[in-house]
Amino acid sequence: MPPFFVSRNLIIFSALVVLQGAAGYFLSVRKEYQPPSRALSSLPAQVDSWQLVKEFPMEPEVQEVLKADDTLNRYYAGPGAPQGVGLFIAFFRSQRAGVAPHSPKNCLPGAGWVKEKNTIVQIPVPGQAAPVEANYYVVQKGENKSVVVYWYQSHGRTIADEFKAKFYVMSDAVRYNRTDTALVRVTIGVGPGGEAAAEKTAVEFVQRFYAPVSSVLPV
């Protein structure tokens, strides 16, 4: 590994250790602030041309592993996606007790999906100064192929990288005495139009839903 990457990783690791110690101290002497939040179920059933077509309750055994404070698992049908686009949100009021979002990077392979492509994308959203930073995945299971876009969202900030997300958890714990976060995941099956068509629809879905999703999460 080149010296640059060794030094960079060492610096990041050292910063995380320092922040972890500081976060542990502050949270041990202060009661954590947990801002009020709206129920995820209050997300509209219709957003522009997108209409809710199915909602899946969280299975008890999944919730037992996930340990999220609130979840949403829906399919919306709209332009370019008559079969629907999956929207999953897991919200955590606190990560103080070691509870944290489960990365799709681990969950998808565990469910039998094989990664074909992964990268980080910047999705511009109307009315937002900064784009949504998200993971872009193409996965396949048997004959089924899907595009998955997901990110971590805290206090109006979107993060793709899990390492970076952990850094902000500890930083926010020290600065703001809060560790709430949400995992937002968008999934669409790749149809006859191919990956490019699925990607286009997924991006448009994120652009339409970012504001409504943000409205039910703490700022």
C-alpha atoms as a PDB file:
ATOM      1  CA  MET A   1       0.000   0.000   0.000  1.00  0.00           C
ATOM      2  CA  PRO A   2       1.434   3.437  -0.913  1.00  0.00           C
ATOM      3  CA  PRO A   3       2.735   5.541   2.032  1.00  0.00           C
ATOM      4  CA  PHE A   4       0.100   8.214   1.318  1.00  0.00           C
ATOM      5  CA  PHE A   5      -2.764   5.825   2.003  1.00  0.00           C
ATOM      6  CA  VAL A   6      -1.046   4.411   5.092  1.00  0.00           C
ATOM      7  CA  SER A   7      -0.596   7.926   6.512  1.00  0.00           C
ATOM      8  CA  ARG A   8      -4.126   8.965   5.582  1.00  0.00           C
ATOM      9  CA  ASN A   9      -5.683   5.887   7.180  1.00  0.00           C
ATOM     10  CA  LEU A  10      -3.540   6.335  10.292  1.00  0.00           C
ATOM     11  CA  ILE A  11      -4.642   9.960  10.626  1.00  0.00           C
ATOM     12  CA  ILE A  12      -8.312   9.037  10.201  1.00  0.00           C
ATOM     13  CA  PHE A  13      -8.004   6.163  12.677  1.00  0.00           C
ATOM     14  CA  SER A  14      -6.268   8.409  15.226  1.00  0.00           C
ATOM     15  CA  ALA A  15      -8.959  11.066  14.836  1.00  0.00           C
ATOM     16  CA  LEU A  16     -11.662   8.455  15.372  1.00  0.00           C
ATOM     17  CA  VAL A  17      -9.971   7.186  18.530  1.00  0.00           C
ATOM     18  CA  VAL A  18      -9.742  10.716  19.946  1.00  0.00           C
ATOM     19  CA  LEU A  19     -13.340  11.505  19.035  1.00  0.00           C
ATOM     20  CA  GLN A  20     -14.550   8.203  20.441  1.00  0.00           C
ATOM     21  CA  GLY A  21     -12.917   8.976  23.762  1.00  0.00           C
ATOM     22  CA  ALA A  22     -14.320  12.498  23.825  1.00  0.00           C
ATOM     23  CA  ALA A  23     -17.766  11.309  22.810  1.00  0.00           C
ATOM     24  CA  GLY A  24     -17.748   8.645  25.501  1.00  0.00           C
ATOM     25  CA  TYR A  25     -16.832  11.206  28.137  1.00  0.00           C
ATOM     26  CA  PHE A  26     -19.428  13.783  27.147  1.00  0.00           C
ATOM     27  CA  LEU A  27     -22.221  11.255  26.825  1.00  0.00           C
ATOM     28  CA  SER A  28     -21.344   9.745  30.190  1.00  0.00           C
ATOM     29  CA  VAL A  29     -21.759  13.087  31.990  1.00  0.00           C
ATOM     30  CA  ARG A  30     -24.610  14.560  29.955  1.00  0.00           C
ATOM     31  CA  LYS A  31     -28.022  13.217  29.143  1.00  0.00           C
ATOM     32  CA  GLU A  32     -28.154  12.851  25.381  1.00  0.00           C
ATOM     33  CA  TYR A  33     -30.364  15.258  23.474  1.00  0.00           C
ATOM     34  CA  GLN A  34     -32.897  13.445  21.322  1.00  0.00           C
ATOM     35  CA  PRO A  35     -34.772  15.915  19.119  1.00  0.00           C
ATOM     36  CA  PRO A  36     -38.470  15.380  18.403  1.00  0.00           C
ATOM     37  CA  SER A  37     -39.208  13.506  15.204  1.00  0.00           C
ATOM     38  CA  ARG A  38     -42.261  12.668  13.137  1.00  0.00           C
ATOM     39  CA  ALA A  39     -43.406   9.104  12.557  1.00  0.00           C
ATOM     40  CA  LEU A  40     -42.030   7.757   9.280  1.00  0.00           C
ATOM     41  CA  SER A  41     -45.555   6.565   8.470  1.00  0.00           C
ATOM     42  CA  SER A  42     -46.509  10.238   8.033  1.00  0.00           C
ATOM     43  CA  LEU A  43     -44.542  10.273   4.770  1.00  0.00           C
ATOM     44  CA  PRO A  44     -47.148  11.061   2.062  1.00  0.00           C
ATOM     45  CA  ALA A  45     -48.764   8.222   0.144  1.00  0.00           C
ATOM     46  CA  GLN A  46     -48.407  10.326  -3.002  1.00  0.00           C
ATOM     47  CA  VAL A  47     -45.476  12.483  -4.042  1.00  0.00           C
ATOM     48  CA  ASP A  48     -45.929  14.185  -7.387  1.00  0.00           C
ATOM     49  CA  SER A  49     -46.638  11.345  -9.842  1.00  0.00           C
ATOM     50  CA  TRP A  50     -45.481   8.645  -7.420  1.00  0.00           C
ATOM     51  CA  GLN A  51     -48.216   6.684  -5.655  1.00  0.00           C
ATOM     52  CA  LEU A  52     -47.911   4.268  -2.747  1.00  0.00           C
ATOM     53  CA  VAL A  53     -48.857   0.771  -3.953  1.00  0.00           C
ATOM     54  CA  LYS A  54     -47.710  -1.478  -1.127  1.00  0.00           C
ATOM     55  CA  GLU A  55     -46.414  -1.249   2.422  1.00  0.00           C
ATOM     56  CA  PHE A  56     -44.580  -4.056   4.172  1.00  0.00           C
ATOM     57  CA  PRO A  57     -44.678  -4.293   7.977  1.00  0.00           C
ATOM     58  CA  MET A  58     -41.364  -4.977   9.624  1.00  0.00           C
ATOM     59  CA  GLU A  59     -41.120  -8.610  10.681  1.00  0.00           C
ATOM     60  CA  PRO A  60     -40.442  -9.051  14.429  1.00  0.00           C
ATOM     61  CA  GLU A  61     -37.301 -11.122  13.871  1.00  0.00           C
ATOM     62  CA  VAL A  62     -35.901  -8.464  11.521  1.00  0.00           C
ATOM     63  CA  GLN A  63     -36.721  -5.686  13.965  1.00  0.00           C
ATOM     64  CA  GLU A  64     -35.006  -7.655  16.721  1.00  0.00           C
ATOM     65  CA  VAL A  65     -31.779  -7.551  14.720  1.00  0.00           C
ATOM     66  CA  LEU A  66     -32.221  -4.044  13.319  1.00  0.00           C
ATOM     67  CA  LYS A  67     -33.225  -2.375  16.611  1.00  0.00           C
ATOM     68  CA  ALA A  68     -34.357   0.778  14.826  1.00  0.00           C
ATOM     69  CA  ASP A  69     -36.708   3.157  16.638  1.00  0.00           C
ATOM     70  CA  ASP A  70     -38.856   3.609  13.544  1.00  0.00           C
ATOM     71  CA  THR A  71     -38.929   1.996  10.111  1.00  0.00           C
ATOM     72  CA  LEU A  72     -40.684   2.423   6.790  1.00  0.00           C
ATOM     73  CA  ASN A  73     -40.778  -0.162   4.002  1.00  0.00           C
ATOM     74  CA  ARG A  74     -42.865   0.858   0.981  1.00  0.00           C
ATOM     75  CA  TYR A  75     -43.193   0.520  -2.759  1.00  0.00           C
ATOM     76  CA  TYR A  76     -44.191   3.511  -4.871  1.00  0.00           C
ATOM     77  CA  ALA A  77     -45.225   3.219  -8.515  1.00  0.00           C
ATOM     78  CA  GLY A  78     -44.529   6.053 -10.894  1.00  0.00           C
ATOM     79  CA  PRO A  79     -43.007   7.122 -14.210  1.00  0.00           C
ATOM     80  CA  GLY A  80     -40.621   4.478 -15.486  1.00  0.00           C
ATOM     81  CA  ALA A  81     -41.455   2.086 -12.649  1.00  0.00           C
ATOM     82  CA  PRO A  82     -44.946   0.586 -12.956  1.00  0.00           C
ATOM     83  CA  GLN A  83     -43.800  -2.324 -10.764  1.00  0.00           C
ATOM     84  CA  GLY A  84     -42.686   0.107  -8.098  1.00  0.00           C
ATOM     85  CA  VAL A  85     -39.576   1.486  -6.457  1.00  0.00           C
ATOM     86  CA  GLY A  86     -38.735   0.289  -2.967  1.00  0.00           C
ATOM     87  CA  LEU A  87     -38.181   2.901  -0.267  1.00  0.00           C
ATOM     88  CA  PHE A  88     -36.770   1.697   3.058  1.00  0.00           C
ATOM     89  CA  ILE A  89     -35.933   3.983   5.981  1.00  0.00           C
ATOM     90  CA  ALA A  90     -34.581   2.987   9.381  1.00  0.00           C
ATOM     91  CA  PHE A  91     -34.392   5.773  11.972  1.00  0.00           C
ATOM     92  CA  PHE A  92     -32.316   5.603  15.149  1.00  0.00           C
ATOM     93  CA  ARG A  93     -32.868   8.179  17.883  1.00  0.00           C
ATOM     94  CA  SER A  94     -29.545   7.290  19.490  1.00  0.00           C
ATOM     95  CA  GLN A  95     -26.449   5.237  18.744  1.00  0.00           C
ATOM     96  CA  ARG A  96     -25.208   5.628  22.286  1.00  0.00           C
ATOM     97  CA  ALA A  97     -25.818   2.004  23.316  1.00  0.00           C
ATOM     98  CA  GLY A  98     -24.029   0.552  20.296  1.00  0.00           C
ATOM     99  CA  VAL A  99     -27.162   0.441  18.124  1.00  0.00           C
ATOM    100  CA  ALA A 100     -26.430   1.560  14.565  1.00  0.00           C
ATOM    101  CA  PRO A 101     -27.751   1.129  11.012  1.00  0.00           C
ATOM    102  CA  HIS A 102     -26.906  -2.160   9.315  1.00  0.00           C
ATOM    103  CA  SER A 103     -24.986  -1.464   6.126  1.00  0.00           C
ATOM    104  CA  PRO A 104     -26.579  -2.853   2.935  1.00  0.00           C
ATOM    105  CA  LYS A 105     -23.016  -3.771   1.973  1.00  0.00           C
ATOM    106  CA  ASN A 106     -23.344  -6.541   4.556  1.00  0.00           C
ATOM    107  CA  CYS A 107     -27.093  -7.217   4.400  1.00  0.00           C
ATOM    108  CA  LEU A 108     -27.375  -7.666   0.621  1.00  0.00           C
ATOM    109  CA  PRO A 109     -24.700 -10.385   0.308  1.00  0.00           C
ATOM    110  CA  GLY A 110     -26.186 -12.043   3.381  1.00  0.00           C
ATOM    111  CA  ALA A 111     -29.517 -12.257   1.531  1.00  0.00           C
ATOM    112  CA  GLY A 112     -27.881 -13.875  -1.498  1.00  0.00           C
ATOM    113  CA  TRP A 113     -27.354 -10.788  -3.688  1.00  0.00           C
ATOM    114  CA  VAL A 114     -24.064 -10.632  -5.608  1.00  0.00           C
ATOM    115  CA  LYS A 115     -22.464  -7.230  -6.150  1.00  0.00           C
ATOM    116  CA  GLU A 116     -21.786  -6.292  -9.773  1.00  0.00           C
ATOM    117  CA  LYS A 117     -20.980  -2.628  -9.359  1.00  0.00           C
ATOM    118  CA  ASN A 118     -20.568  -0.146  -6.549  1.00  0.00           C
ATOM    119  CA  THR A 119     -19.588   3.488  -6.486  1.00  0.00           C
ATOM    120  CA  ILE A 120     -20.458   6.763  -4.764  1.00  0.00           C
ATOM    121  CA  VAL A 121     -22.632   9.223  -6.655  1.00  0.00           C
ATOM    122  CA  GLN A 122     -23.670  12.831  -6.147  1.00  0.00           C
ATOM    123  CA  ILE A 123     -27.367  13.372  -6.909  1.00  0.00           C
ATOM    124  CA  PRO A 124     -28.419  17.005  -7.387  1.00  0.00           C
ATOM    125  CA  VAL A 125     -31.742  17.805  -5.726  1.00  0.00           C
ATOM    126  CA  PRO A 126     -33.845  20.848  -6.662  1.00  0.00           C
ATOM    127  CA  GLY A 127     -33.803  23.454  -3.915  1.00  0.00           C
ATOM    128  CA  GLN A 128     -30.811  21.909  -2.136  1.00  0.00           C
ATOM    129  CA  ALA A 129     -27.412  23.607  -2.152  1.00  0.00           C
ATOM    130  CA  ALA A 130     -25.516  20.339  -1.778  1.00  0.00           C
ATOM    131  CA  PRO A 131     -26.210  17.143  -3.719  1.00  0.00           C
ATOM    132  CA  VAL A 132     -27.206  13.899  -2.018  1.00  0.00           C
ATOM    133  CA  GLU A 133     -24.081  11.809  -1.515  1.00  0.00           C
ATOM    134  CA  ALA A 134     -25.126   8.178  -1.940  1.00  0.00           C
ATOM    135  CA  ASN A 135     -23.882   4.678  -2.596  1.00  0.00           C
ATOM    136  CA  TYR A 136     -24.838   3.287  -5.996  1.00  0.00           C
ATOM    137  CA  TYR A 137     -25.008  -0.499  -6.178  1.00  0.00           C
ATOM    138  CA  VAL A 138     -25.953  -2.972  -8.901  1.00  0.00           C
ATOM    139  CA  VAL A 139     -26.685  -6.413  -7.452  1.00  0.00           C
ATOM    140  CA  GLN A 140     -27.903  -9.684  -8.905  1.00  0.00           C
ATOM    141  CA  LYS A 141     -29.612 -12.740  -7.442  1.00  0.00           C
ATOM    142  CA  GLY A 142     -30.295 -15.493  -9.950  1.00  0.00           C
ATOM    143  CA  GLU A 143     -32.011 -13.849 -12.908  1.00  0.00           C
ATOM    144  CA  ASN A 144     -33.038 -10.789 -10.890  1.00  0.00           C
ATOM    145  CA  LYS A 145     -30.950  -7.648 -11.051  1.00  0.00           C
ATOM    146  CA  SER A 146     -31.525  -4.477  -9.052  1.00  0.00           C
ATOM    147  CA  VAL A 147     -30.144  -0.978  -8.650  1.00  0.00           C
ATOM    148  CA  VAL A 148     -29.740   0.069  -5.018  1.00  0.00           C
ATOM    149  CA  VAL A 149     -29.078   3.644  -3.908  1.00  0.00           C
ATOM    150  CA  TYR A 150     -28.583   4.345  -0.211  1.00  0.00           C
ATOM    151  CA  TRP A 151     -27.153   6.892   2.180  1.00  0.00           C
ATOM    152  CA  TYR A 152     -26.991   7.856   5.855  1.00  0.00           C
ATOM    153  CA  GLN A 153     -28.807  11.047   6.781  1.00  0.00           C
ATOM    154  CA  SER A 154     -28.240  13.099   9.928  1.00  0.00           C
ATOM    155  CA  HIS A 155     -29.223  16.690  10.639  1.00  0.00           C
ATOM    156  CA  GLY A 156     -29.680  17.564   6.982  1.00  0.00           C
ATOM    157  CA  ARG A 157     -26.365  15.940   6.009  1.00  0.00           C
ATOM    158  CA  THR A 158     -26.095  12.942   3.652  1.00  0.00           C
ATOM    159  CA  ILE A 159     -23.158  10.544   3.807  1.00  0.00           C
ATOM    160  CA  ALA A 160     -22.335   7.501   1.690  1.00  0.00           C
ATOM    161  CA  ASP A 161     -19.167   6.159   3.285  1.00  0.00           C
ATOM    162  CA  GLU A 162     -19.697   4.091   6.473  1.00  0.00           C
ATOM    163  CA  PHE A 163     -16.315   5.120   7.901  1.00  0.00           C
ATOM    164  CA  LYS A 164     -17.141   8.772   7.376  1.00  0.00           C
ATOM    165  CA  ALA A 165     -20.589   8.242   8.923  1.00  0.00           C
ATOM    166  CA  LYS A 166     -19.000   6.871  12.111  1.00  0.00           C
ATOM    167  CA  PHE A 167     -16.710   9.881  12.255  1.00  0.00           C
ATOM    168  CA  TYR A 168     -19.701  12.245  12.161  1.00  0.00           C
ATOM    169  CA  VAL A 169     -21.549  10.211  14.813  1.00  0.00           C
ATOM    170  CA  MET A 170     -18.734  10.828  17.277  1.00  0.00           C
ATOM    171  CA  SER A 171     -18.200  14.405  16.147  1.00  0.00           C
ATOM    172  CA  ASP A 172     -21.889  15.245  16.573  1.00  0.00           C
ATOM    173  CA  ALA A 173     -21.947  13.512  19.947  1.00  0.00           C
ATOM    174  CA  VAL A 174     -19.253  15.915  21.159  1.00  0.00           C
ATOM    175  CA  ARG A 175     -20.510  19.058  19.422  1.00  0.00           C
ATOM    176  CA  TYR A 176     -24.285  18.658  19.672  1.00  0.00           C
ATOM    177  CA  ASN A 177     -24.781  15.892  22.273  1.00  0.00           C
ATOM    178  CA  ARG A 178     -26.857  13.852  19.809  1.00  0.00           C
ATOM    179  CA  THR A 179     -26.273  10.719  17.721  1.00  0.00           C
ATOM    180  CA  ASP A 180     -29.548  10.263  15.830  1.00  0.00           C
ATOM    181  CA  THR A 181     -29.332   9.091  12.229  1.00  0.00           C
ATOM    182  CA  ALA A 182     -31.301   7.393   9.473  1.00  0.00           C
ATOM    183  CA  LEU A 183     -30.488   4.915   6.737  1.00  0.00           C
ATOM    184  CA  VAL A 184     -32.385   5.661   3.518  1.00  0.00           C
ATOM    185  CA  ARG A 185     -32.397   3.026   0.764  1.00  0.00           C
ATOM    186  CA  VAL A 186     -33.986   3.102  -2.684  1.00  0.00           C
ATOM    187  CA  THR A 187     -34.277  -0.107  -4.730  1.00  0.00           C
ATOM    188  CA  ILE A 188     -35.512  -0.682  -8.277  1.00  0.00           C
ATOM    189  CA  GLY A 189     -35.467  -3.853 -10.350  1.00  0.00           C
ATOM    190  CA  VAL A 190     -33.635  -3.714 -13.671  1.00  0.00           C
ATOM    191  CA  GLY A 191     -36.204  -4.296 -16.421  1.00  0.00           C
ATOM    192  CA  PRO A 192     -36.179  -4.487 -20.224  1.00  0.00           C
ATOM    193  CA  GLY A 193     -34.711  -0.983 -20.419  1.00  0.00           C
ATOM    194  CA  GLY A 194     -31.541  -2.185 -18.723  1.00  0.00           C
ATOM    195  CA  GLU A 195     -29.440  -0.694 -15.972  1.00  0.00           C
ATOM    196  CA  ALA A 196     -29.323   2.789 -17.505  1.00  0.00           C
ATOM    197  CA  ALA A 197     -33.137   3.094 -17.407  1.00  0.00           C
ATOM    198  CA  ALA A 198     -33.266   1.795 -13.819  1.00  0.00           C
ATOM    199  CA  GLU A 199     -30.539   4.207 -12.753  1.00  0.00           C
ATOM    200  CA  LYS A 200     -32.381   7.143 -14.338  1.00  0.00           C
ATOM    201  CA  THR A 201     -35.600   6.231 -12.525  1.00  0.00           C
ATOM    202  CA  ALA A 202     -33.794   5.749  -9.208  1.00  0.00           C
ATOM    203  CA  VAL A 203     -32.153   9.182  -9.503  1.00  0.00           C
ATOM    204  CA  GLU A 204     -35.473  10.841 -10.336  1.00  0.00           C
ATOM    205  CA  PHE A 205     -37.086   9.066  -7.389  1.00  0.00           C
ATOM    206  CA  VAL A 206     -34.405  10.370  -5.009  1.00  0.00           C
ATOM    207  CA  GLN A 207     -34.846  13.879  -6.380  1.00  0.00           C
ATOM    208  CA  ARG A 208     -38.616  13.766  -5.792  1.00  0.00           C
ATOM    209  CA  PHE A 209     -38.509  12.111  -2.378  1.00  0.00           C
ATOM    210  CA  TYR A 210     -35.534  13.764  -0.703  1.00  0.00           C
ATOM    211  CA  ALA A 211     -37.553  16.725   0.569  1.00  0.00           C
ATOM    212  CA  PRO A 212     -40.515  14.656   1.885  1.00  0.00           C
ATOM    213  CA  VAL A 213     -38.131  12.215   3.575  1.00  0.00           C
ATOM    214  CA  SER A 214     -36.147  15.065   5.125  1.00  0.00           C
ATOM    215  CA  SER A 215     -39.358  16.582   6.473  1.00  0.00           C
ATOM    216  CA  VAL A 216     -39.991  13.551   8.731  1.00  0.00           C
ATOM    217  CA  LEU A 217     -36.405  13.361  10.041  1.00  0.00           C
ATOM    218  CA  PRO A 218     -34.933  15.641  12.732  1.00  0.00           C
ATOM    219  CA  VAL A 219     -32.902  18.565  11.426  1.00  0.00           C
END
